Amino acid sequence: MAELMERHHPVSKTKTLLIAPVVFMSVFFVAPVTNSILRYFRFSEFGNVLGNHSLRGVAWFSMWQALISTLFTLVIALPATWALSRFTFPGVRLVRGVLTAPFVLPAVVVAAGVLAITDSRGVVPVIWAHVVFNMSVILRIVGPRWAMVNLRLEHAAATLGARPSRTFSLVVWPQISDAVISAATLVFIFCFTSFGVIAILGGVSRRTLESEIFTQAVRLGNTETATALAVLQAVIICTVIFIARQSSRPNSTSLHVSAPQPLRTKPRHRNTPLLISVTAVVIVASPLLATIYRSLVVNNQFSFSAWRTIFSGSLPALSVSPQLVITTSLVFAIIAACICVPLALLVVTTSAPRALFSLPLAISAATLGIGLIITFNTSPYAWRSERWFIPVIHAVIALPLVIRALEPAVRAIPTSFRNASATLGASPIATWRHVELPLLKPALLRATGLSMAISLGEFGATSFLSRSGSTTLPIAIAQLLGRPGVATQQAGFALAALMVLVTVGVMSRA
């Protein structure tokens, strides 16, 4: 009878399953962000921020560096996207993998790689790091859309005498413009809210709103100023999203899947896609390779001293051992995955409000960090200093991306499979265990790897919560690279190189 009632009341069951992820997001994201704004936002302080010449300069730098970074990312990534979505050649999968790998690496590792090459800080290194980190965004969003542009229309335009530039503007651009605008908006937001890159490459004089929020809240204790800056940042982000949506236009109906063509079928300039791809790979991969090189070379001499320090000694200028830092990061990543993946699975299998679970993509990590130290700093919810609190917040930040990784796989399961299982007398739990779970296993492994990679690389919110006993790899890397001394710098590069190897290893298992 109970089983019969369960089958006849799927709505109540769905609502019950939905309670856990909704409560989780409400407690650890919505409540702290809302609490910080209600308690510390003052219109008078907001006016003071707008009237402060120094803070206006920080906001202006945040905007124009994000705009330039977005433009350079488009200039480099769009030709590579064209080459990879339109043509196939030996090594194309390797090229795509190299170009998309930095997005799952910590931003501080990408920044460390750029620092290893330039050995300087400033605007140019910041822009380079942003290009490397955000190349994947363009490839993943624009690439599938570009692959669906009807090749016959391009061939027809060429037959009628249209030059490639005119073919692109009249035939291709109307089909991909919506995807390009969406991708560019995301890249702008990622660059605008950049924290790890600025912390390593920005130097003393180059600050963004994200880094200034951290400085005002944690180092100076000016919570009202930090909250006003967070609100200003959110206003700018919302304005950019609104402008992007107004600029978007519905796609034409001529989209249709076109298989990539071999390079040998290209009548002219056959090597152009290959040269574009190689150029993009050099720009993206060189900082990662430079990180490994700098960890092994000191004063033009080959040495394993930094690696020996990591595995057997103590980190220079830090009060924690490298073994503890590595172990802490891995434990946090495992805990975050154990929390995040089941919650994401509940969301995608129920009618959950997607807007609620997309909020961490729109609200910066620094803004969340302010809310966390305000809301969970006093009894009975004095969780800020608890070790378990950090992986929980990592799970909050990873949840939107993990949901997007699982959703296509869940939707791909035919309803007829569930109906057939129920007709044969299987309970919903048995159906899920014996029918759905085997089909979802590859997606669950990918989602687990993704959540662990995000946890391993999270820097913004962790900066607000980290203590000496809970230092993670990105925090340790930023601290080492931000201090003088050859041994200290090399230890930072060695940790960054280790992050490259660990993250790639985690993702390759997913």
Protein backbone atom coordinates (compact mmCIF):
# COMPACT_ATOMS: atom_id res chain seq x y z
CA MET A 1 0.00 0.00 0.00
CA ALA A 2 2.80 2.43 0.89
CA GLU A 3 4.53 1.69 -2.40
CA LEU A 4 1.27 2.22 -4.29
CA MET A 5 0.72 5.57 -2.57
CA GLU A 6 4.29 6.59 -3.39
CA ARG A 7 3.69 5.93 -7.07
CA HIS A 8 0.43 7.87 -7.04
CA HIS A 9 1.95 10.88 -5.29
CA PRO A 10 5.17 11.69 -7.19
CA VAL A 11 4.74 15.41 -6.51
CA SER A 12 5.04 14.99 -2.73
CA LYS A 13 8.08 12.76 -3.20
CA THR A 14 9.69 15.36 -5.48
CA LYS A 15 9.11 18.11 -2.91
CA THR A 16 10.67 15.96 -0.20
CA LEU A 17 13.80 15.33 -2.28
CA LEU A 18 14.05 19.03 -3.04
CA ILE A 19 14.28 20.06 0.62
CA ALA A 20 17.97 19.14 1.05
CA PRO A 21 19.51 21.19 -1.80
CA VAL A 22 17.20 24.16 -1.19
CA VAL A 23 18.03 24.25 2.54
CA PHE A 24 21.73 23.81 1.76
CA MET A 25 21.81 26.78 -0.63
CA SER A 26 19.61 28.90 1.60
CA VAL A 27 21.77 28.38 4.70
CA PHE A 28 25.23 28.58 3.17
CA PHE A 29 24.69 31.08 0.34
CA VAL A 30 21.46 33.07 0.38
CA ALA A 31 21.45 33.72 4.14
CA PRO A 32 25.05 35.01 4.45
CA VAL A 33 24.88 37.22 1.36
CA THR A 34 21.51 38.67 2.37
CA ASN A 35 22.62 39.09 5.97
CA SER A 36 25.73 41.04 5.02
CA ILE A 37 23.75 43.44 2.86
CA LEU A 38 20.97 43.99 5.41
CA ARG A 39 23.34 44.51 8.33
CA TYR A 40 26.13 46.55 6.80
CA PHE A 41 24.94 48.22 3.61
CA ARG A 42 24.44 51.96 4.06
CA PHE A 43 23.52 54.36 1.29
CA SER A 44 25.75 56.96 2.93
CA GLU A 45 28.74 54.60 2.76
CA PHE A 46 27.84 53.74 -0.82
CA GLY A 47 27.97 57.45 -1.61
CA ASN A 48 31.32 57.72 0.14
CA VAL A 49 32.67 54.88 -1.99
CA LEU A 50 31.50 56.60 -5.18
CA GLY A 51 33.05 59.85 -3.98
CA ASN A 52 36.39 58.31 -3.01
CA HIS A 53 38.94 58.97 -5.76
CA SER A 54 41.03 55.90 -4.90
CA LEU A 55 38.07 53.49 -4.84
CA ARG A 56 36.71 54.96 -8.08
CA GLY A 57 40.10 54.19 -9.59
CA VAL A 58 39.83 50.60 -8.37
CA ALA A 59 36.39 50.26 -9.97
CA TRP A 60 37.60 51.85 -13.21
CA PHE A 61 40.64 49.54 -13.39
CA SER A 62 38.39 46.54 -12.73
CA MET A 63 36.18 47.50 -15.66
CA TRP A 64 38.74 48.42 -18.30
CA GLN A 65 41.10 45.52 -17.59
CA ALA A 66 38.12 43.15 -17.80
CA LEU A 67 37.03 44.73 -21.09
CA ILE A 68 40.52 44.51 -22.62
CA SER A 69 40.95 40.95 -21.32
CA THR A 70 37.63 39.99 -22.93
CA LEU A 71 38.60 41.55 -26.26
CA PHE A 72 41.97 39.77 -26.34
CA THR A 73 40.30 36.48 -25.37
CA LEU A 74 37.87 36.85 -28.28
CA VAL A 75 40.64 37.79 -30.72
CA ILE A 76 42.63 34.66 -29.84
CA ALA A 77 39.82 32.21 -29.05
CA LEU A 78 37.39 32.86 -31.92
CA PRO A 79 39.84 31.88 -34.71
CA ALA A 80 40.79 28.77 -32.71
CA THR A 81 37.09 27.98 -32.26
CA TRP A 82 36.58 28.28 -36.01
CA ALA A 83 39.51 25.94 -36.70
CA LEU A 84 38.42 23.29 -34.19
CA SER A 85 34.70 23.36 -35.01
CA ARG A 86 35.07 23.43 -38.81
CA PHE A 87 38.07 21.20 -39.50
CA THR A 88 39.60 17.95 -38.36
CA PHE A 89 43.31 17.16 -38.44
CA PRO A 90 45.76 14.89 -36.60
CA GLY A 91 46.00 15.94 -32.96
CA VAL A 92 42.78 17.97 -32.93
CA ARG A 93 41.62 16.31 -29.69
CA LEU A 94 44.93 17.07 -28.01
CA VAL A 95 44.69 20.71 -29.10
CA ARG A 96 41.16 20.98 -27.74
CA GLY A 97 42.21 19.36 -24.47
CA VAL A 98 45.18 21.72 -23.99
CA LEU A 99 43.07 24.81 -24.69
CA THR A 100 40.29 23.81 -22.29
CA ALA A 101 42.43 22.43 -19.45
CA PRO A 102 43.36 25.77 -17.74
CA PHE A 103 39.72 26.50 -16.88
CA VAL A 104 39.66 23.65 -14.36
CA LEU A 105 43.03 24.70 -12.94
CA PRO A 106 43.24 27.22 -10.09
CA ALA A 107 43.57 30.79 -11.30
CA VAL A 108 46.63 31.20 -9.08
CA VAL A 109 48.37 28.38 -10.99
CA VAL A 110 47.70 30.08 -14.33
CA ALA A 111 48.95 33.35 -12.83
CA ALA A 112 52.06 31.59 -11.50
CA GLY A 113 52.79 30.29 -15.00
CA VAL A 114 52.57 33.77 -16.51
CA LEU A 115 54.78 35.11 -13.71
CA ALA A 116 57.32 32.37 -14.47
CA ILE A 117 57.64 33.70 -18.04
CA THR A 118 57.36 37.46 -17.57
CA ASP A 119 58.98 37.65 -14.11
CA SER A 120 57.05 40.89 -13.63
CA ARG A 121 53.67 42.17 -12.51
CA GLY A 122 51.29 44.56 -14.22
CA VAL A 123 48.48 44.86 -16.72
CA VAL A 124 50.01 42.78 -19.53
CA PRO A 125 50.62 39.67 -17.36
CA VAL A 126 47.09 40.02 -15.92
CA ILE A 127 45.54 40.11 -19.41
CA TRP A 128 47.62 37.12 -20.54
CA ALA A 129 46.51 35.06 -17.54
CA HIS A 130 42.87 35.98 -18.17
CA VAL A 131 43.16 34.91 -21.81
CA VAL A 132 44.66 31.55 -20.82
CA PHE A 133 42.04 30.93 -18.15
CA ASN A 134 39.00 31.95 -20.24
CA MET A 135 39.88 30.40 -23.58
CA SER A 136 37.78 27.38 -22.64
CA VAL A 137 34.65 29.52 -22.14
CA ILE A 138 34.67 30.62 -25.78
CA LEU A 139 35.46 27.15 -27.09
CA ARG A 140 32.73 25.43 -25.08
CA ILE A 141 29.95 27.95 -25.73
CA VAL A 142 30.65 29.18 -29.27
CA GLY A 143 32.16 25.98 -30.67
CA PRO A 144 28.99 23.83 -30.66
CA ARG A 145 27.01 26.70 -32.21
CA TRP A 146 29.60 27.33 -34.91
CA ALA A 147 29.62 23.63 -35.76
CA MET A 148 25.89 23.91 -36.52
CA VAL A 149 26.19 26.68 -39.11
CA ASN A 150 25.13 25.25 -42.46
CA LEU A 151 28.25 24.83 -44.59
CA ARG A 152 26.18 24.89 -47.77
CA LEU A 153 25.26 28.53 -47.14
CA GLU A 154 28.95 29.45 -46.86
CA HIS A 155 29.77 27.53 -50.03
CA ALA A 156 26.90 29.22 -51.84
CA ALA A 157 28.12 32.66 -50.79
CA ALA A 158 31.64 31.83 -51.95
CA THR A 159 30.30 30.55 -55.28
CA LEU A 160 28.48 33.86 -55.77
CA GLY A 161 31.77 35.71 -55.34
CA ALA A 162 31.57 36.81 -51.69
CA ARG A 163 34.90 37.31 -49.98
CA PRO A 164 35.53 35.37 -46.72
CA SER A 165 35.02 38.52 -44.63
CA ARG A 166 31.66 39.23 -46.28
CA THR A 167 30.61 35.58 -45.96
CA PHE A 168 31.38 35.73 -42.27
CA SER A 169 29.49 38.96 -41.64
CA LEU A 170 26.39 38.02 -43.65
CA VAL A 171 26.16 34.25 -43.17
CA VAL A 172 28.14 33.10 -40.13
CA TRP A 173 27.88 36.00 -37.68
CA PRO A 174 24.04 36.09 -37.55
CA GLN A 175 24.15 32.40 -36.58
CA ILE A 176 26.78 32.62 -33.83
CA SER A 177 26.36 36.17 -32.50
CA ASP A 178 24.10 35.12 -29.64
CA ALA A 179 26.61 32.51 -28.45
CA VAL A 180 29.52 34.93 -28.80
CA ILE A 181 27.73 37.59 -26.74
CA SER A 182 26.85 35.05 -24.04
CA ALA A 183 30.43 33.76 -23.88
CA ALA A 184 31.90 37.27 -23.89
CA THR A 185 29.60 38.25 -21.03
CA LEU A 186 30.82 35.31 -18.94
CA VAL A 187 34.44 36.11 -19.73
CA PHE A 188 33.93 39.74 -18.72
CA ILE A 189 32.37 38.69 -15.41
CA PHE A 190 35.19 36.22 -14.69
CA CYS A 191 37.81 38.90 -15.45
CA PHE A 192 35.91 41.61 -13.57
CA THR A 193 35.68 39.45 -10.44
CA SER A 194 39.22 38.06 -10.80
CA PHE A 195 40.94 37.55 -7.46
CA GLY A 196 43.72 34.95 -7.66
CA VAL A 197 45.23 36.42 -10.85
CA ILE A 198 45.23 39.93 -9.40
CA ALA A 199 46.67 38.72 -6.08
CA ILE A 200 49.75 37.31 -7.85
CA LEU A 201 50.16 39.48 -10.95
CA GLY A 202 48.49 42.76 -10.06
CA GLY A 203 51.17 44.07 -7.75
CA VAL A 204 50.61 46.73 -5.11
CA SER A 205 49.17 49.37 -7.44
CA ARG A 206 46.80 47.14 -9.42
CA ARG A 207 43.66 46.33 -7.43
CA THR A 208 40.22 45.19 -8.51
CA LEU A 209 36.94 45.49 -6.65
CA GLU A 210 37.23 41.81 -5.74
CA SER A 211 40.66 42.20 -4.13
CA GLU A 212 39.66 45.49 -2.51
CA ILE A 213 36.62 43.84 -0.91
CA PHE A 214 38.95 41.31 0.69
CA THR A 215 41.36 44.03 1.85
CA GLN A 216 38.62 46.18 3.37
CA ALA A 217 36.81 43.30 5.08
CA VAL A 218 39.66 41.11 6.33
CA ARG A 219 42.77 43.25 6.63
CA LEU A 220 41.26 46.63 7.54
CA GLY A 221 38.01 45.52 9.17
CA ASN A 222 35.94 48.09 7.23
CA THR A 223 32.92 45.86 6.74
CA GLU A 224 30.57 48.66 5.67
CA THR A 225 33.00 49.79 2.97
CA ALA A 226 33.50 46.20 1.79
CA THR A 227 29.73 45.66 1.62
CA ALA A 228 29.26 48.88 -0.35
CA LEU A 229 31.95 47.73 -2.79
CA ALA A 230 30.24 44.34 -3.09
CA VAL A 231 26.93 46.04 -3.92
CA LEU A 232 28.67 48.27 -6.49
CA GLN A 233 30.24 45.19 -8.04
CA ALA A 234 26.88 43.40 -8.20
CA VAL A 235 25.25 46.46 -9.81
CA ILE A 236 27.92 46.57 -12.52
CA ILE A 237 27.60 42.82 -13.17
CA CYS A 238 23.80 43.04 -13.42
CA THR A 239 24.13 46.00 -15.80
CA VAL A 240 26.51 44.07 -18.05
CA ILE A 241 24.17 41.06 -18.09
CA PHE A 242 21.21 43.32 -18.94
CA ILE A 243 23.10 45.01 -21.80
CA ALA A 244 24.22 41.63 -23.13
CA ARG A 245 20.67 40.30 -23.14
CA GLN A 246 19.42 43.41 -24.94
CA SER A 247 22.15 42.97 -27.56
CA SER A 248 21.31 39.32 -28.19
CA ARG A 249 19.13 38.42 -31.13
CA PRO A 250 17.27 35.18 -31.88
CA ASN A 251 19.26 32.78 -34.04
CA SER A 252 18.32 32.06 -37.60
CA THR A 253 16.60 28.78 -38.37
CA SER A 254 19.35 27.70 -40.80
CA LEU A 255 21.31 25.95 -38.07
CA HIS A 256 22.11 22.38 -38.87
CA VAL A 257 24.81 19.96 -37.75
CA SER A 258 27.80 19.96 -40.11
CA ALA A 259 30.57 17.44 -39.57
CA PRO A 260 34.09 18.95 -39.45
CA GLN A 261 35.85 18.61 -42.79
CA PRO A 262 39.41 17.31 -43.22
CA LEU A 263 42.00 19.97 -43.98
CA ARG A 264 42.80 18.35 -47.31
CA THR A 265 39.32 19.32 -48.58
CA LYS A 266 39.99 23.02 -47.95
CA PRO A 267 40.67 24.56 -51.37
CA ARG A 268 42.87 27.48 -50.24
CA HIS A 269 45.06 28.30 -47.25
CA ARG A 270 44.90 24.74 -45.97
CA ASN A 271 47.47 25.36 -43.26
CA THR A 272 45.62 28.35 -41.76
CA PRO A 273 43.50 26.34 -39.27
CA LEU A 274 46.59 24.40 -38.20
CA LEU A 275 48.66 27.57 -37.69
CA ILE A 276 45.84 29.21 -35.72
CA SER A 277 45.52 26.15 -33.48
CA VAL A 278 49.28 25.95 -32.86
CA THR A 279 49.41 29.67 -31.99
CA ALA A 280 46.58 29.29 -29.49
CA VAL A 281 48.25 26.23 -27.92
CA VAL A 282 51.55 28.12 -27.50
CA ILE A 283 49.78 31.04 -25.80
CA VAL A 284 47.84 28.76 -23.44
CA ALA A 285 50.34 25.98 -22.72
CA SER A 286 53.53 28.01 -22.31
CA PRO A 287 52.63 29.40 -18.85
CA LEU A 288 51.85 25.90 -17.56
CA LEU A 289 55.11 24.49 -18.92
CA ALA A 290 56.99 27.51 -17.55
CA THR A 291 55.63 26.77 -14.09
CA ILE A 292 57.17 23.31 -14.16
CA TYR A 293 60.41 24.69 -15.60
CA ARG A 294 60.75 27.39 -12.91
CA SER A 295 60.17 24.78 -10.21
CA LEU A 296 63.19 22.83 -11.47
CA VAL A 297 65.65 25.59 -12.42
CA VAL A 298 67.35 27.98 -9.98
CA ASN A 299 69.85 30.57 -11.22
CA ASN A 300 70.11 28.70 -14.54
CA GLN A 301 70.92 25.46 -12.73
CA PHE A 302 68.78 22.34 -12.64
CA SER A 303 67.68 21.45 -9.09
CA PHE A 304 65.07 19.35 -7.28
CA SER A 305 65.50 21.33 -4.06
CA ALA A 306 62.01 22.90 -4.22
CA TRP A 307 60.38 19.51 -4.79
CA ARG A 308 62.39 17.97 -1.95
CA THR A 309 61.19 20.83 0.26
CA ILE A 310 57.58 20.11 -0.65
CA PHE A 311 57.76 16.40 0.14
CA SER A 312 60.19 16.32 3.02
CA GLY A 313 60.75 19.79 4.48
CA SER A 314 58.76 22.88 5.42
CA LEU A 315 57.54 25.66 3.20
CA PRO A 316 59.68 28.82 3.47
CA ALA A 317 57.97 31.74 5.25
CA LEU A 318 54.88 29.65 6.06
CA SER A 319 53.95 28.10 9.39
CA VAL A 320 52.48 24.90 7.94
CA SER A 321 54.14 21.87 6.43
CA PRO A 322 53.70 21.10 2.72
CA GLN A 323 52.36 17.65 3.58
CA LEU A 324 49.61 19.24 5.66
CA VAL A 325 48.73 21.69 2.87
CA ILE A 326 48.49 18.92 0.26
CA THR A 327 46.53 16.60 2.55
CA THR A 328 44.15 19.38 3.58
CA SER A 329 43.42 20.31 -0.04
CA LEU A 330 42.74 16.70 -1.05
CA VAL A 331 40.52 16.02 2.00
CA PHE A 332 38.56 19.22 1.33
CA ALA A 333 38.12 18.23 -2.32
CA ILE A 334 36.81 14.77 -1.41
CA ILE A 335 34.38 16.16 1.17
CA ALA A 336 33.16 18.84 -1.24
CA ALA A 337 32.51 16.19 -3.92
CA CYS A 338 30.64 13.96 -1.44
CA ILE A 339 28.35 16.89 -0.62
CA CYS A 340 28.03 18.49 -4.03
CA VAL A 341 27.39 15.54 -6.36
CA PRO A 342 24.42 14.03 -4.43
CA LEU A 343 22.83 17.48 -4.04
CA ALA A 344 23.30 18.21 -7.74
CA LEU A 345 21.73 14.86 -8.59
CA LEU A 346 18.71 15.73 -6.46
CA VAL A 347 18.38 19.07 -8.23
CA VAL A 348 18.48 17.67 -11.76
CA THR A 349 16.03 14.86 -10.95
CA THR A 350 13.45 17.23 -9.44
CA SER A 351 11.71 20.43 -10.48
CA ALA A 352 14.15 22.59 -8.54
CA PRO A 353 14.24 26.38 -9.09
CA ARG A 354 17.30 26.73 -11.33
CA ALA A 355 17.69 30.44 -10.57
CA LEU A 356 18.45 29.69 -6.92
CA PHE A 357 21.26 27.29 -7.81
CA SER A 358 22.73 29.67 -10.41
CA LEU A 359 23.32 32.48 -7.91
CA PRO A 360 26.96 31.51 -7.13
CA LEU A 361 27.79 32.26 -10.77
CA ALA A 362 26.45 35.82 -10.48
CA ILE A 363 27.65 36.68 -6.95
CA SER A 364 31.42 36.92 -6.54
CA ALA A 365 33.38 34.78 -4.10
CA ALA A 366 34.52 37.87 -2.19
CA THR A 367 30.92 38.97 -1.67
CA LEU A 368 30.09 35.51 -0.37
CA GLY A 369 33.18 35.64 1.84
CA ILE A 370 31.97 38.83 3.57
CA GLY A 371 28.62 37.22 4.31
CA LEU A 372 30.29 34.11 5.70
CA ILE A 373 32.52 35.94 8.19
CA ILE A 374 29.58 38.09 9.31
CA THR A 375 26.93 35.40 9.59
CA PHE A 376 28.98 32.51 10.97
CA ASN A 377 31.28 34.38 13.34
CA THR A 378 29.19 34.30 16.54
CA SER A 379 27.57 31.61 18.66
CA PRO A 380 25.55 29.44 18.16
CA TYR A 381 26.66 29.45 14.51
CA ALA A 382 30.38 30.19 15.00
CA TRP A 383 31.36 27.97 12.11
CA ARG A 384 33.81 30.33 10.42
CA SER A 385 36.85 28.80 12.12
CA GLU A 386 35.70 25.18 11.73
CA ARG A 387 37.69 23.07 9.25
CA TRP A 388 34.59 21.37 7.86
CA PHE A 389 33.13 24.74 6.89
CA ILE A 390 35.59 25.31 4.02
CA PRO A 391 34.71 22.18 1.96
CA VAL A 392 31.02 22.95 2.52
CA ILE A 393 31.51 26.38 0.92
CA HIS A 394 33.53 24.75 -1.86
CA ALA A 395 30.49 22.55 -2.52
CA VAL A 396 28.28 25.67 -2.69
CA ILE A 397 30.54 27.26 -5.29
CA ALA A 398 30.84 24.06 -7.35
CA LEU A 399 27.14 23.18 -7.27
CA PRO A 400 25.98 25.29 -10.29
CA LEU A 401 28.66 23.83 -12.58
CA VAL A 402 28.13 20.27 -11.36
CA ILE A 403 24.38 20.63 -11.98
CA ARG A 404 25.13 21.67 -15.56
CA ALA A 405 27.44 18.68 -15.95
CA LEU A 406 24.81 16.17 -14.77
CA GLU A 407 21.67 17.63 -16.34
CA PRO A 408 22.22 16.45 -19.95
CA ALA A 409 22.90 12.88 -18.79
CA VAL A 410 19.77 12.75 -16.62
CA ARG A 411 17.60 14.16 -19.41
CA ALA A 412 19.02 11.61 -21.86
CA ILE A 413 17.56 8.66 -19.91
CA PRO A 414 14.38 7.62 -21.75
CA THR A 415 11.20 7.77 -19.67
CA SER A 416 10.26 4.39 -21.12
CA PHE A 417 13.06 2.76 -19.10
CA ARG A 418 11.54 3.98 -15.82
CA ASN A 419 8.02 3.06 -16.92
CA ALA A 420 9.08 -0.45 -17.92
CA SER A 421 10.84 -0.97 -14.60
CA ALA A 422 7.76 0.21 -12.68
CA THR A 423 5.50 -2.04 -14.76
CA LEU A 424 7.65 -5.02 -13.81
CA GLY A 425 7.08 -4.21 -10.14
CA ALA A 426 10.34 -2.45 -9.24
CA SER A 427 10.16 0.23 -6.58
CA PRO A 428 11.47 3.75 -7.39
CA ILE A 429 14.62 3.06 -5.37
CA ALA A 430 15.23 -0.23 -7.20
CA THR A 431 14.63 1.49 -10.53
CA TRP A 432 17.13 4.18 -9.68
CA ARG A 433 19.70 1.66 -8.47
CA HIS A 434 19.49 -0.89 -11.27
CA VAL A 435 18.39 1.24 -14.27
CA GLU A 436 19.36 4.89 -13.85
CA LEU A 437 22.57 4.65 -11.81
CA PRO A 438 24.48 2.45 -14.33
CA LEU A 439 23.54 4.89 -17.10
CA LEU A 440 24.59 7.89 -15.01
CA LYS A 441 27.89 6.44 -13.81
CA PRO A 442 30.13 8.16 -16.44
CA ALA A 443 28.42 11.52 -15.82
CA LEU A 444 28.70 11.08 -12.05
CA LEU A 445 32.43 10.38 -12.38
CA ARG A 446 32.88 13.52 -14.49
CA ALA A 447 30.85 15.56 -12.01
CA THR A 448 32.93 14.22 -9.12
CA GLY A 449 36.15 15.16 -10.89
CA LEU A 450 34.78 18.61 -11.71
CA SER A 451 33.70 19.31 -8.14
CA MET A 452 37.08 18.15 -6.79
CA ALA A 453 38.93 20.32 -9.31
CA ILE A 454 36.86 23.37 -8.34
CA SER A 455 37.51 22.68 -4.65
CA LEU A 456 41.24 22.26 -5.25
CA GLY A 457 41.39 25.59 -7.07
CA GLU A 458 38.97 27.74 -5.04
CA PHE A 459 40.74 30.87 -3.82
CA GLY A 460 38.31 33.77 -3.28
CA ALA A 461 35.98 32.58 -0.52
CA THR A 462 38.71 30.41 1.02
CA SER A 463 40.82 33.53 1.57
CA PHE A 464 38.21 34.76 4.05
CA LEU A 465 38.02 31.44 5.92
CA SER A 466 41.53 30.02 5.83
CA ARG A 467 43.47 29.53 9.07
CA SER A 468 46.97 28.18 9.70
CA GLY A 469 45.61 24.66 10.09
CA SER A 470 43.38 24.83 7.01
CA THR A 471 45.70 26.39 4.40
CA THR A 472 44.92 25.05 0.92
CA LEU A 473 47.23 24.79 -2.06
CA PRO A 474 46.01 27.97 -3.85
CA ILE A 475 46.36 29.99 -0.62
CA ALA A 476 49.88 28.66 -0.02
CA ILE A 477 50.90 29.34 -3.64
CA ALA A 478 49.67 32.95 -3.46
CA GLN A 479 51.45 33.52 -0.14
CA LEU A 480 54.76 32.08 -1.38
CA LEU A 481 54.75 33.93 -4.71
CA GLY A 482 53.82 37.17 -2.97
CA ARG A 483 56.96 37.14 -0.78
CA PRO A 484 60.59 37.88 -1.72
CA GLY A 485 63.38 35.31 -1.78
CA VAL A 486 64.57 32.79 -4.38
CA ALA A 487 63.80 29.73 -2.24
CA THR A 488 60.34 31.04 -1.36
CA GLN A 489 59.49 31.84 -4.98
CA GLN A 490 60.71 28.45 -6.22
CA ALA A 491 58.67 26.66 -3.56
CA GLY A 492 55.63 28.56 -4.84
CA PHE A 493 56.32 27.47 -8.41
CA ALA A 494 56.82 23.87 -7.26
CA LEU A 495 53.46 23.90 -5.49
CA ALA A 496 51.86 25.41 -8.60
CA ALA A 497 53.43 22.70 -10.76
CA LEU A 498 52.11 20.10 -8.33
CA MET A 499 48.64 21.64 -8.69
CA VAL A 500 48.86 21.23 -12.46
CA LEU A 501 49.72 17.55 -12.09
CA VAL A 502 47.12 16.86 -9.38
CA THR A 503 44.28 18.67 -11.16
CA VAL A 504 44.99 17.05 -14.50
CA GLY A 505 45.19 13.69 -12.74
CA VAL A 506 41.84 14.21 -11.05
CA MET A 507 40.14 15.31 -14.26
CA SER A 508 41.65 12.46 -16.30
CA ARG A 509 40.06 9.97 -13.90
CA ALA A 510 36.64 11.58 -14.22
